[in-house]
Structures are given as structure tokens and as C-alpha cells.
Amino acid sequence: MTMSPTTAYGTARHSFRASLPRHALRELPRYEPEVVAAMKRADILLREAEIRSEPVNLSRISMQDLRDFLLAYCACFFAIMAFIA
């Protein structure tokens, strides 16, 4: 999709877009350099952080854990079915 040189950003040909105020069609703001640097630092710190939990040991799962899971699963299932119906 190409724009003609006479068409400015934010102009609209569609009737709904044409009815919107000019500020609703403005270009999205760009991040300031300080914000970009902070986002990069946060990304690096997140990669370096050890946030993974230990793997689940299947031998430690009890029958009560299984019952609790199935109870919650069935309750959510029936609640969603009641909402849809």
C-alpha cells in the first residue's frame, strides 16, 4: 500500500476514520533514548537472573494433589459451560 505524496499521515478516506478527531490518527510516540537504554538494561538483567524453578519431581505428587487439581479443573469447566449455555 503506497501513499501519494499529497496524502499526509493521519488523513482518512474511510468515513469512520474521517469522523475521528485529528489527535486519534496521530503517529504513535517513539521511545526516548533514556527509555530505550533502561529497557535494554532490564532485558539484560532478566536474562542473567536465575528465575527458573526446579523441575517437578513426579514421585512427590500425591493423590490429594491429583484430587485437588481435578476438583478445580471440573469446577472451572462447569462454570465455563454454565456461562456459555
N, C-alpha and C. Protein backbone atom coordinates (compact mmCIF):
# COMPACT_ATOMS: atom_id res chain seq x y z
N MET A 1 0.85 -1.17 0.00
CA MET A 1 0.00 0.00 0.00
C MET A 1 0.89 1.23 0.00
N THR A 2 0.78 2.05 -1.00
CA THR A 2 1.59 3.24 -1.10
C THR A 2 0.73 4.47 -0.91
N MET A 3 1.34 5.47 -0.30
CA MET A 3 0.62 6.72 -0.09
C MET A 3 1.08 7.73 -1.13
N SER A 4 0.15 8.50 -1.61
CA SER A 4 0.52 9.53 -2.57
C SER A 4 1.24 10.65 -1.84
N PRO A 5 2.08 11.40 -2.54
CA PRO A 5 2.84 12.46 -1.88
C PRO A 5 1.95 13.56 -1.30
N THR A 6 0.73 13.69 -1.80
CA THR A 6 -0.15 14.74 -1.29
C THR A 6 -0.94 14.31 -0.07
N THR A 7 -0.92 13.00 0.24
CA THR A 7 -1.67 12.49 1.39
C THR A 7 -0.80 12.58 2.63
N ALA A 8 -1.24 13.30 3.63
CA ALA A 8 -0.49 13.45 4.87
C ALA A 8 -0.85 12.31 5.82
N TYR A 9 0.05 12.04 6.75
CA TYR A 9 -0.23 10.99 7.72
C TYR A 9 -1.43 11.40 8.56
N GLY A 10 -2.33 10.47 8.80
CA GLY A 10 -3.48 10.74 9.64
C GLY A 10 -4.72 11.13 8.87
N THR A 11 -4.59 11.34 7.58
CA THR A 11 -5.78 11.63 6.80
C THR A 11 -6.51 10.33 6.54
N ALA A 12 -7.80 10.43 6.32
CA ALA A 12 -8.59 9.21 6.19
C ALA A 12 -9.53 9.32 5.01
N ARG A 13 -9.64 8.20 4.30
CA ARG A 13 -10.60 8.14 3.22
C ARG A 13 -11.89 7.46 3.67
N HIS A 14 -11.79 6.63 4.70
CA HIS A 14 -12.97 5.94 5.20
C HIS A 14 -13.80 6.91 6.04
N SER A 15 -15.12 6.79 5.96
CA SER A 15 -16.00 7.75 6.65
C SER A 15 -15.82 7.69 8.16
N PHE A 16 -15.62 6.49 8.74
CA PHE A 16 -15.43 6.41 10.19
C PHE A 16 -14.14 7.09 10.61
N ARG A 17 -13.05 6.78 9.90
CA ARG A 17 -11.76 7.40 10.24
C ARG A 17 -11.80 8.91 10.02
N ALA A 18 -12.55 9.33 9.01
CA ALA A 18 -12.65 10.77 8.76
C ALA A 18 -13.42 11.48 9.87
N SER A 19 -14.30 10.76 10.57
CA SER A 19 -15.07 11.38 11.64
C SER A 19 -14.28 11.47 12.95
N LEU A 20 -13.15 10.78 13.05
CA LEU A 20 -12.36 10.81 14.27
C LEU A 20 -11.62 12.14 14.40
N PRO A 21 -11.34 12.58 15.62
CA PRO A 21 -10.54 13.81 15.78
C PRO A 21 -9.11 13.58 15.31
N ARG A 22 -8.44 14.63 14.95
CA ARG A 22 -7.10 14.55 14.36
C ARG A 22 -6.11 13.84 15.32
N HIS A 23 -6.23 14.10 16.63
CA HIS A 23 -5.25 13.50 17.56
C HIS A 23 -5.40 11.98 17.65
N ALA A 24 -6.55 11.43 17.25
CA ALA A 24 -6.73 9.99 17.28
C ALA A 24 -5.97 9.32 16.14
N LEU A 25 -5.61 10.05 15.13
CA LEU A 25 -4.91 9.50 13.97
C LEU A 25 -3.42 9.81 13.97
N ARG A 26 -2.93 10.42 15.05
CA ARG A 26 -1.52 10.82 15.07
C ARG A 26 -0.61 9.60 15.15
N GLU A 27 0.62 9.79 14.80
CA GLU A 27 1.61 8.72 14.82
C GLU A 27 1.92 8.33 16.26
N LEU A 28 2.16 7.05 16.49
CA LEU A 28 2.46 6.58 17.84
C LEU A 28 3.78 7.19 18.31
N PRO A 29 3.87 7.52 19.60
CA PRO A 29 5.09 8.15 20.11
C PRO A 29 6.28 7.19 20.06
N ARG A 30 7.44 7.74 19.84
CA ARG A 30 8.67 6.96 19.86
C ARG A 30 9.27 7.03 21.26
N TYR A 31 9.98 6.00 21.63
CA TYR A 31 10.61 5.99 22.95
C TYR A 31 11.78 6.96 22.97
N GLU A 32 11.98 7.58 24.13
CA GLU A 32 13.12 8.47 24.30
C GLU A 32 14.37 7.61 24.51
N PRO A 33 15.56 8.14 24.22
CA PRO A 33 16.79 7.34 24.34
C PRO A 33 17.00 6.77 25.75
N GLU A 34 16.60 7.51 26.79
CA GLU A 34 16.77 7.02 28.15
C GLU A 34 15.88 5.79 28.39
N VAL A 35 14.69 5.81 27.82
CA VAL A 35 13.76 4.69 27.99
C VAL A 35 14.29 3.46 27.26
N VAL A 36 14.82 3.64 26.06
CA VAL A 36 15.38 2.52 25.30
C VAL A 36 16.55 1.91 26.06
N ALA A 37 17.43 2.76 26.64
CA ALA A 37 18.57 2.25 27.40
C ALA A 37 18.11 1.48 28.63
N ALA A 38 17.08 1.99 29.32
CA ALA A 38 16.57 1.30 30.51
C ALA A 38 15.93 -0.03 30.12
N MET A 39 15.24 -0.08 29.00
CA MET A 39 14.64 -1.34 28.55
C MET A 39 15.71 -2.37 28.21
N LYS A 40 16.80 -1.93 27.59
CA LYS A 40 17.90 -2.85 27.27
C LYS A 40 18.56 -3.38 28.54
N ARG A 41 18.77 -2.47 29.53
CA ARG A 41 19.37 -2.91 30.80
C ARG A 41 18.46 -3.93 31.50
N ALA A 42 17.16 -3.67 31.50
CA ALA A 42 16.22 -4.59 32.14
C ALA A 42 16.21 -5.93 31.43
N ASP A 43 16.31 -5.92 30.11
CA ASP A 43 16.35 -7.16 29.35
C ASP A 43 17.60 -7.97 29.68
N ILE A 44 18.73 -7.31 29.79
CA ILE A 44 19.99 -7.99 30.12
C ILE A 44 19.91 -8.57 31.53
N LEU A 45 19.38 -7.79 32.49
CA LEU A 45 19.26 -8.28 33.86
C LEU A 45 18.31 -9.46 33.95
N LEU A 46 17.25 -9.44 33.16
CA LEU A 46 16.30 -10.54 33.17
C LEU A 46 16.92 -11.81 32.63
N ARG A 47 17.74 -11.67 31.58
CA ARG A 47 18.42 -12.85 31.02
C ARG A 47 19.43 -13.44 32.00
N GLU A 48 20.08 -12.55 32.77
CA GLU A 48 21.11 -13.02 33.71
C GLU A 48 20.50 -13.60 34.98
N ALA A 49 19.28 -13.22 35.32
CA ALA A 49 18.66 -13.67 36.57
C ALA A 49 18.28 -15.15 36.47
N GLU A 50 18.45 -15.83 37.56
CA GLU A 50 18.07 -17.24 37.63
C GLU A 50 16.66 -17.30 38.20
N ILE A 51 15.67 -17.36 37.33
CA ILE A 51 14.28 -17.30 37.79
C ILE A 51 13.53 -18.61 37.55
N ARG A 52 14.20 -19.60 37.04
CA ARG A 52 13.54 -20.88 36.80
C ARG A 52 13.39 -21.64 38.10
N SER A 53 12.26 -22.29 38.25
CA SER A 53 12.06 -23.15 39.42
C SER A 53 12.63 -24.54 39.12
N GLU A 54 12.76 -25.31 40.17
CA GLU A 54 13.29 -26.66 39.99
C GLU A 54 12.28 -27.52 39.24
N PRO A 55 12.74 -28.51 38.49
CA PRO A 55 11.80 -29.39 37.79
C PRO A 55 10.90 -30.14 38.76
N VAL A 56 9.71 -30.46 38.31
CA VAL A 56 8.75 -31.17 39.16
C VAL A 56 9.19 -32.61 39.32
N ASN A 57 9.21 -33.07 40.56
CA ASN A 57 9.53 -34.46 40.85
C ASN A 57 8.21 -35.21 40.91
N LEU A 58 7.94 -36.05 39.92
CA LEU A 58 6.66 -36.73 39.82
C LEU A 58 6.38 -37.67 40.98
N SER A 59 7.41 -38.14 41.63
CA SER A 59 7.20 -39.04 42.75
C SER A 59 6.67 -38.31 43.99
N ARG A 60 6.74 -36.97 43.99
CA ARG A 60 6.26 -36.20 45.14
C ARG A 60 4.81 -35.78 44.98
N ILE A 61 4.19 -36.05 43.83
CA ILE A 61 2.79 -35.70 43.63
C ILE A 61 1.92 -36.76 44.31
N SER A 62 1.07 -36.30 45.21
CA SER A 62 0.24 -37.24 45.98
C SER A 62 -1.15 -37.36 45.35
N MET A 63 -1.91 -38.30 45.84
CA MET A 63 -3.29 -38.47 45.38
C MET A 63 -4.13 -37.24 45.75
N GLN A 64 -3.83 -36.61 46.88
CA GLN A 64 -4.57 -35.41 47.27
C GLN A 64 -4.31 -34.27 46.28
N ASP A 65 -3.06 -34.15 45.80
CA ASP A 65 -2.75 -33.16 44.78
C ASP A 65 -3.56 -33.42 43.51
N LEU A 66 -3.64 -34.68 43.12
CA LEU A 66 -4.40 -35.05 41.93
C LEU A 66 -5.89 -34.75 42.11
N ARG A 67 -6.45 -35.07 43.28
CA ARG A 67 -7.86 -34.78 43.56
C ARG A 67 -8.13 -33.27 43.53
N ASP A 68 -7.23 -32.49 44.15
CA ASP A 68 -7.40 -31.03 44.17
C ASP A 68 -7.38 -30.46 42.76
N PHE A 69 -6.45 -30.96 41.94
CA PHE A 69 -6.37 -30.49 40.56
C PHE A 69 -7.65 -30.82 39.80
N LEU A 70 -8.11 -32.07 39.91
CA LEU A 70 -9.32 -32.46 39.19
C LEU A 70 -10.55 -31.71 39.68
N LEU A 71 -10.63 -31.44 40.97
CA LEU A 71 -11.75 -30.66 41.51
C LEU A 71 -11.75 -29.25 40.92
N ALA A 72 -10.59 -28.60 40.91
CA ALA A 72 -10.51 -27.25 40.36
C ALA A 72 -10.78 -27.25 38.85
N TYR A 73 -10.26 -28.25 38.16
CA TYR A 73 -10.47 -28.35 36.72
C TYR A 73 -11.95 -28.52 36.40
N CYS A 74 -12.61 -29.43 37.09
CA CYS A 74 -14.04 -29.67 36.84
C CYS A 74 -14.88 -28.46 37.21
N ALA A 75 -14.53 -27.79 38.31
CA ALA A 75 -15.28 -26.60 38.72
C ALA A 75 -15.17 -25.51 37.65
N CYS A 76 -13.98 -25.30 37.12
CA CYS A 76 -13.80 -24.29 36.06
C CYS A 76 -14.52 -24.71 34.80
N PHE A 77 -14.46 -25.99 34.46
CA PHE A 77 -15.14 -26.48 33.26
C PHE A 77 -16.65 -26.25 33.35
N PHE A 78 -17.24 -26.62 34.49
CA PHE A 78 -18.68 -26.44 34.64
C PHE A 78 -19.07 -24.96 34.71
N ALA A 79 -18.22 -24.13 35.30
CA ALA A 79 -18.51 -22.70 35.33
C ALA A 79 -18.50 -22.11 33.92
N ILE A 80 -17.56 -22.52 33.10
CA ILE A 80 -17.49 -22.02 31.73
C ILE A 80 -18.67 -22.54 30.93
N MET A 81 -19.03 -23.82 31.11
CA MET A 81 -20.18 -24.38 30.40
C MET A 81 -21.47 -23.66 30.80
N ALA A 82 -21.61 -23.33 32.09
CA ALA A 82 -22.81 -22.60 32.55
C ALA A 82 -22.83 -21.20 31.95
N PHE A 83 -21.66 -20.57 31.82
CA PHE A 83 -21.59 -19.23 31.24
C PHE A 83 -21.96 -19.27 29.76
N ILE A 84 -21.46 -20.27 29.05
CA ILE A 84 -21.74 -20.38 27.61
C ILE A 84 -23.19 -20.73 27.36
N ALA A 85 -23.77 -21.57 28.19
CA ALA A 85 -25.15 -22.04 27.97
C ALA A 85 -26.19 -20.97 28.18
